[in-house]
């Protein structure tokens, strides 16, 4: 998996063209309010922690496989 910092739209056009918008990392923040993005870059919001909580709330592990809510909370430490 690529780090977003390593994702180059010009070089990876073929990759992004093959993805649906909902799976394309370029669009991940399109509907996020600017004030939240500002807080994230200032370190006031931990996006990594929020992603872990969301995965736990879905009951899935770090690979997206269903493990149940309690197990997922333990896996993600939330």
Protein backbone atom coordinates (compact mmCIF):
# COMPACT_ATOMS: atom_id res chain seq x y z
CA UNK A 1 0.00 0.00 0.00
CA UNK A 2 1.28 3.47 -0.84
CA UNK A 3 1.66 6.21 1.69
CA UNK A 4 -0.40 9.19 0.60
CA UNK A 5 2.81 11.27 0.57
CA UNK A 6 4.16 8.88 -2.06
CA UNK A 7 1.06 9.10 -4.21
CA UNK A 8 1.71 11.15 -7.32
CA UNK A 9 -1.34 11.88 -9.46
CA UNK A 10 0.75 12.39 -12.59
CA UNK A 11 2.59 9.08 -12.24
CA UNK A 12 -0.31 7.06 -10.87
CA UNK A 13 -3.11 8.13 -13.21
CA UNK A 14 -3.66 4.59 -14.41
CA UNK A 15 -4.05 3.39 -10.80
CA UNK A 16 -6.55 6.10 -9.82
CA UNK A 17 -8.52 5.75 -13.04
CA UNK A 18 -9.20 2.12 -12.15
CA UNK A 19 -10.57 2.97 -8.70
CA UNK A 20 -14.09 4.02 -7.88
CA UNK A 21 -14.28 7.46 -6.28
CA UNK A 22 -15.14 5.96 -2.89
CA UNK A 23 -11.93 3.87 -2.94
CA UNK A 24 -9.68 6.53 -4.45
CA UNK A 25 -7.41 8.16 -1.82
CA UNK A 26 -7.32 11.38 -3.80
CA UNK A 27 -10.96 12.00 -2.89
CA UNK A 28 -10.82 10.97 0.78
CA UNK A 29 -11.26 14.53 2.10
CA UNK A 30 -13.49 16.00 -0.62
CA UNK A 31 -16.49 16.31 1.67
CA UNK A 32 -14.53 17.14 4.82
CA UNK A 33 -15.07 20.65 6.10
CA UNK A 34 -12.03 22.93 5.79
CA UNK A 35 -11.98 23.62 9.54
CA UNK A 36 -11.50 19.91 10.23
CA UNK A 37 -8.69 19.64 7.70
CA UNK A 38 -6.98 22.64 9.31
CA UNK A 39 -7.25 20.99 12.74
CA UNK A 40 -5.84 17.76 11.31
CA UNK A 41 -2.73 19.40 9.85
CA UNK A 42 -2.19 21.29 13.11
CA UNK A 43 -2.24 17.98 14.97
CA UNK A 44 -5.45 18.83 16.82
CA UNK A 45 -7.21 15.83 15.26
CA UNK A 46 -5.50 12.45 15.00
CA UNK A 47 -6.72 11.00 11.68
CA UNK A 48 -4.98 7.69 12.36
CA UNK A 49 -6.84 7.32 15.67
CA UNK A 50 -10.15 8.21 14.02
CA UNK A 51 -9.55 5.58 11.33
CA UNK A 52 -8.86 2.95 14.01
CA UNK A 53 -12.07 3.88 15.84
CA UNK A 54 -14.05 3.67 12.60
CA UNK A 55 -12.66 0.21 11.83
CA UNK A 56 -13.47 -0.92 15.37
CA UNK A 57 -17.00 0.48 15.00
CA UNK A 58 -17.36 -1.61 11.84
CA UNK A 59 -16.10 -4.71 13.66
CA UNK A 60 -13.22 -5.33 11.27
CA UNK A 61 -9.50 -5.92 11.72
CA UNK A 62 -6.60 -4.06 10.10
CA UNK A 63 -7.23 -5.96 6.85
CA UNK A 64 -10.94 -5.20 6.72
CA UNK A 65 -12.06 -8.68 7.75
CA UNK A 66 -15.02 -9.06 10.11
CA UNK A 67 -13.85 -10.11 13.59
CA UNK A 68 -16.68 -8.73 15.71
CA UNK A 69 -16.96 -5.48 17.59
CA UNK A 70 -15.24 -6.53 20.83
CA UNK A 71 -12.30 -8.14 19.05
CA UNK A 72 -11.94 -5.19 16.71
CA UNK A 73 -11.82 -2.77 19.65
CA UNK A 74 -9.01 -4.84 21.19
CA UNK A 75 -7.11 -5.05 17.90
CA UNK A 76 -7.29 -1.30 17.35
CA UNK A 77 -6.80 -0.37 21.00
CA UNK A 78 -9.94 1.74 21.29
